[in-house]
Amino acid sequence: MEQPIWIVLLGDVVDSRSIADRQGFQTQLEGACQVIAARHADDLMAGPVVLKGADEFGAVLTSYRPVYAVVSAFDVLLPRHARFAVARGAIDTGLASGRLERMDGPAFHEASTAMEELKETGLPFAMRGGDALVDRALTDLLCALLLSRRIGSRAEQRAIAAYIREGNQTRAGADLGVSQQAVSDALQRSGYALIHPLDRRIAGTLEHYARRMEGRE
């Protein structure tokens, strides 16, 4: 019987050893995982959960479709950033438990290999396990989008993250405790207004890729 195919997402907090209050950050990371798990419940089979202290976390997704949205949601950890490795494949251990920390298999091995390469290159994202050429193109695009959000002041970065997370400037302002106009000004100053159309289009691209890899196109 053919094994089902899953999408494994592994995350690693960049330069986590420099965090002074590791316990406090771990609590923050756990809280972020819980919020993201609730927000994307329909797209997740397991997680996201913290796998190693204040350093590593992971999730199992049902398709490529929500990858960018889930990755973007971790901007709540600012000023800390994370790197992300995504791989498509089988999970042959611990699947029935529903607990990510008990799972293993080819998808996890592929994601782990991609993560080690990210640590060497310093890039924020890698995708593996589907069409190699498309994976490379999507990897490059998501790296560019994620890195573009790290340019500018911390306030501008937070405004971008909140806007992506909440979906409009008013809710983003409420989340940050500032006005809608303050969010708008921050988005303009950062240059994100020029990047935003790509953010919106990547969701459609991932949807198309998900359908293709699932054999529905």
Protein backbone atom coordinates (compact mmCIF):
# COMPACT_ATOMS: atom_id res chain seq x y z
CA MET A 1 0.00 0.00 0.00
CA GLU A 2 1.39 3.38 -1.01
CA GLN A 3 2.20 5.69 1.89
CA PRO A 4 0.49 9.10 2.03
CA ILE A 5 2.65 12.10 1.25
CA TRP A 6 2.99 14.99 3.70
CA ILE A 7 4.73 18.36 3.80
CA VAL A 8 7.20 18.71 6.67
CA LEU A 9 8.22 22.20 7.76
CA LEU A 10 11.20 22.61 10.09
CA GLY A 11 12.14 25.95 11.62
CA ASP A 12 15.33 27.09 13.31
CA VAL A 13 15.79 30.37 15.19
CA VAL A 14 18.77 32.27 13.81
CA ASP A 15 21.58 32.96 16.31
CA SER A 16 19.50 31.58 19.17
CA ARG A 17 22.56 31.19 21.40
CA SER A 18 22.74 34.96 21.75
CA ILE A 19 19.28 35.14 23.36
CA ALA A 20 19.76 36.30 26.94
CA ASP A 21 16.38 35.22 28.30
CA ARG A 22 16.10 31.80 26.69
CA GLN A 23 13.27 30.66 28.94
CA GLY A 24 11.27 33.77 28.13
CA PHE A 25 11.87 33.36 24.42
CA GLN A 26 10.91 29.69 24.56
CA THR A 27 7.60 30.71 26.14
CA GLN A 28 7.13 33.28 23.35
CA LEU A 29 7.91 30.64 20.70
CA GLU A 30 5.49 28.16 22.25
CA GLY A 31 2.80 30.83 22.30
CA ALA A 32 3.43 31.65 18.64
CA CYS A 33 3.14 27.97 17.73
CA GLN A 34 -0.19 27.69 19.54
CA VAL A 35 -1.64 30.75 17.80
CA ILE A 36 -0.45 29.56 14.38
CA ALA A 37 -1.81 26.06 15.03
CA ALA A 38 -5.25 27.51 15.79
CA ARG A 39 -5.20 29.92 12.84
CA HIS A 40 -4.16 27.27 10.32
CA ALA A 41 -5.85 24.25 11.86
CA ASP A 42 -7.43 23.18 8.56
CA ASP A 43 -4.03 23.01 6.86
CA LEU A 44 -2.03 21.23 9.57
CA MET A 45 -1.76 17.56 10.43
CA ALA A 46 0.56 18.20 13.39
CA GLY A 47 2.17 21.19 15.09
CA PRO A 48 3.65 23.62 14.93
CA VAL A 49 5.40 22.73 18.16
CA VAL A 50 8.75 23.54 19.74
CA LEU A 51 11.14 20.63 19.23
CA LYS A 52 14.26 21.86 20.98
CA GLY A 53 14.29 24.55 23.64
CA ALA A 54 14.39 28.03 22.17
CA ASP A 55 15.95 26.83 18.94
CA GLU A 56 13.88 24.52 16.76
CA PHE A 57 10.23 23.97 15.87
CA GLY A 58 8.27 22.12 13.24
CA ALA A 59 4.94 21.22 11.69
CA VAL A 60 3.39 18.77 9.24
CA LEU A 61 1.17 20.39 6.60
CA THR A 62 -1.36 18.73 4.36
CA SER A 63 -0.07 20.48 1.21
CA TYR A 64 2.20 23.26 -0.06
CA ARG A 65 -0.76 25.64 -0.11
CA PRO A 66 -0.29 27.29 3.33
CA VAL A 67 3.53 27.22 3.42
CA TYR A 68 4.11 30.95 2.92
CA ALA A 69 1.31 31.95 5.28
CA VAL A 70 2.65 29.71 8.06
CA VAL A 71 6.23 30.84 7.54
CA SER A 72 5.16 34.49 7.52
CA ALA A 73 3.22 34.04 10.77
CA PHE A 74 6.48 33.42 12.62
CA ASP A 75 7.40 37.08 12.07
CA VAL A 76 5.64 37.53 15.40
CA LEU A 77 9.04 36.58 16.88
CA LEU A 78 10.65 39.82 15.67
CA PRO A 79 13.30 41.07 16.17
CA ARG A 80 14.33 37.40 16.01
CA HIS A 81 14.24 35.67 12.65
CA ALA A 82 14.03 32.01 11.71
CA ARG A 83 15.09 29.87 8.76
CA PHE A 84 12.67 27.33 7.28
CA ALA A 85 13.11 24.05 5.40
CA VAL A 86 10.13 22.43 3.69
CA ALA A 87 10.15 18.91 2.23
CA ARG A 88 7.55 16.65 0.66
CA GLY A 89 7.57 12.92 1.35
CA ALA A 90 6.44 10.01 3.48
CA ILE A 91 6.32 9.82 7.27
CA ASP A 92 6.80 6.22 8.37
CA THR A 93 7.21 6.52 12.14
CA GLY A 94 4.90 7.96 14.79
CA LEU A 95 2.23 9.18 12.38
CA ALA A 96 -0.64 7.58 14.30
CA SER A 97 0.39 9.39 17.50
CA GLY A 98 -0.38 12.79 15.96
CA ARG A 99 2.66 14.11 17.85
CA LEU A 100 5.32 15.68 15.69
CA GLU A 101 8.16 14.92 18.10
CA ARG A 102 7.49 11.18 17.63
CA MET A 103 7.43 11.30 13.82
CA ASP A 104 10.19 10.44 11.40
CA GLY A 105 10.65 9.37 7.80
CA PRO A 106 11.96 10.51 4.42
CA ALA A 107 10.19 13.88 4.56
CA PHE A 108 11.90 14.71 7.87
CA HIS A 109 15.29 13.53 6.58
CA GLU A 110 14.98 15.69 3.46
CA ALA A 111 13.93 18.72 5.49
CA SER A 112 16.82 18.21 7.92
CA THR A 113 19.31 18.04 5.05
CA ALA A 114 17.90 21.24 3.57
CA MET A 115 18.12 22.92 7.00
CA GLU A 116 21.81 22.09 7.33
CA GLU A 117 22.44 23.67 3.94
CA LEU A 118 20.55 26.79 4.99
CA LYS A 119 22.77 27.14 8.05
CA GLU A 120 25.78 27.17 5.73
CA THR A 121 24.37 29.62 3.19
CA GLY A 122 22.59 31.96 5.60
CA LEU A 123 19.46 31.97 3.44
CA PRO A 124 16.04 31.88 5.15
CA PHE A 125 14.13 29.26 3.14
CA ALA A 126 14.47 26.03 1.15
CA MET A 127 11.88 23.76 -0.49
CA ARG A 128 12.48 20.13 -1.42
CA GLY A 129 10.64 17.08 -2.63
CA GLY A 130 8.61 18.02 -5.68
CA ASP A 131 9.69 19.21 -9.09
CA ALA A 132 13.35 20.22 -8.69
CA LEU A 133 13.18 23.18 -11.07
CA VAL A 134 9.97 24.55 -9.54
CA ASP A 135 11.32 23.93 -6.04
CA ARG A 136 14.39 26.02 -6.86
CA ALA A 137 12.31 28.85 -8.34
CA LEU A 138 9.98 28.91 -5.33
CA THR A 139 12.93 28.72 -2.95
CA ASP A 140 14.54 31.75 -4.60
CA LEU A 141 11.27 33.70 -4.61
CA LEU A 142 10.44 33.02 -0.97
CA CYS A 143 14.00 33.81 0.08
CA ALA A 144 13.74 37.16 -1.70
CA LEU A 145 10.36 37.93 -0.11
CA LEU A 146 11.50 36.98 3.39
CA LEU A 147 14.75 38.92 3.12
CA SER A 148 12.95 42.00 1.77
CA ARG A 149 10.96 42.16 5.00
CA ARG A 150 14.16 42.44 7.04
CA ILE A 151 15.11 45.77 5.46
CA GLY A 152 14.26 48.95 7.32
CA SER A 153 13.74 49.84 10.95
CA ARG A 154 12.37 47.43 13.53
CA ALA A 155 9.11 49.40 13.58
CA GLU A 156 8.80 49.00 9.82
CA GLN A 157 9.51 45.28 10.05
CA ARG A 158 6.85 44.88 12.72
CA ALA A 159 4.34 46.83 10.64
CA ILE A 160 4.96 44.58 7.64
CA ALA A 161 4.65 41.44 9.76
CA ALA A 162 1.42 42.63 11.37
CA TYR A 163 -0.05 43.64 8.02
CA ILE A 164 0.69 40.22 6.51
CA ARG A 165 -0.64 38.47 9.61
CA GLU A 166 -3.84 40.51 10.01
CA GLY A 167 -4.68 41.16 6.37
CA ASN A 168 -5.34 44.92 6.52
CA GLN A 169 -3.83 48.08 7.94
CA THR A 170 -6.55 48.77 10.52
CA ARG A 171 -6.25 45.38 12.21
CA ALA A 172 -2.46 45.56 11.95
CA GLY A 173 -2.51 48.91 13.73
CA ALA A 174 -4.77 47.55 16.46
CA ASP A 175 -2.43 44.59 16.93
CA LEU A 176 0.57 46.93 17.28
CA GLY A 177 -1.25 49.59 19.31
CA VAL A 178 -0.78 52.27 16.63
CA SER A 179 -3.02 53.97 14.10
CA GLN A 180 -3.86 52.69 10.63
CA GLN A 181 -2.03 55.71 9.22
CA ALA A 182 1.12 54.79 11.16
CA VAL A 183 1.03 51.31 9.58
CA SER A 184 0.47 52.82 6.13
CA ASP A 185 3.40 55.21 6.57
CA ALA A 186 5.67 52.37 7.74
CA LEU A 187 4.74 50.24 4.73
CA GLN A 188 5.50 53.12 2.37
CA ARG A 189 8.83 53.98 4.01
CA SER A 190 10.00 50.38 3.91
CA GLY A 191 9.16 49.98 0.24
CA TYR A 192 6.90 47.06 1.05
CA ALA A 193 4.09 48.58 -0.99
CA LEU A 194 6.06 47.53 -4.08
CA ILE A 195 6.60 43.98 -2.77
CA HIS A 196 3.04 43.40 -1.57
CA PRO A 197 1.64 42.22 -4.95
CA LEU A 198 4.23 39.40 -4.95
CA ASP A 199 3.18 38.41 -1.44
CA ARG A 200 -0.38 38.04 -2.67
CA ARG A 201 0.61 36.16 -5.84
CA ILE A 202 2.80 33.59 -4.07
CA ALA A 203 -0.27 32.15 -2.34
CA GLY A 204 -1.84 31.45 -5.73
CA THR A 205 1.41 29.97 -7.05
CA LEU A 206 1.64 27.59 -4.09
CA GLU A 207 -2.01 26.65 -4.57
CA HIS A 208 -1.30 25.75 -8.20
CA TYR A 209 1.82 23.77 -7.22
CA ALA A 210 -0.10 21.92 -4.52
CA ARG A 211 -2.76 20.87 -7.01
CA ARG A 212 -0.11 19.78 -9.49
CA MET A 213 1.80 17.66 -6.98
CA GLU A 214 -1.42 16.14 -5.69
CA GLY A 215 -2.26 15.05 -9.23
CA ARG A 216 -5.34 17.23 -9.59
CA GLU A 217 -4.01 19.10 -12.65
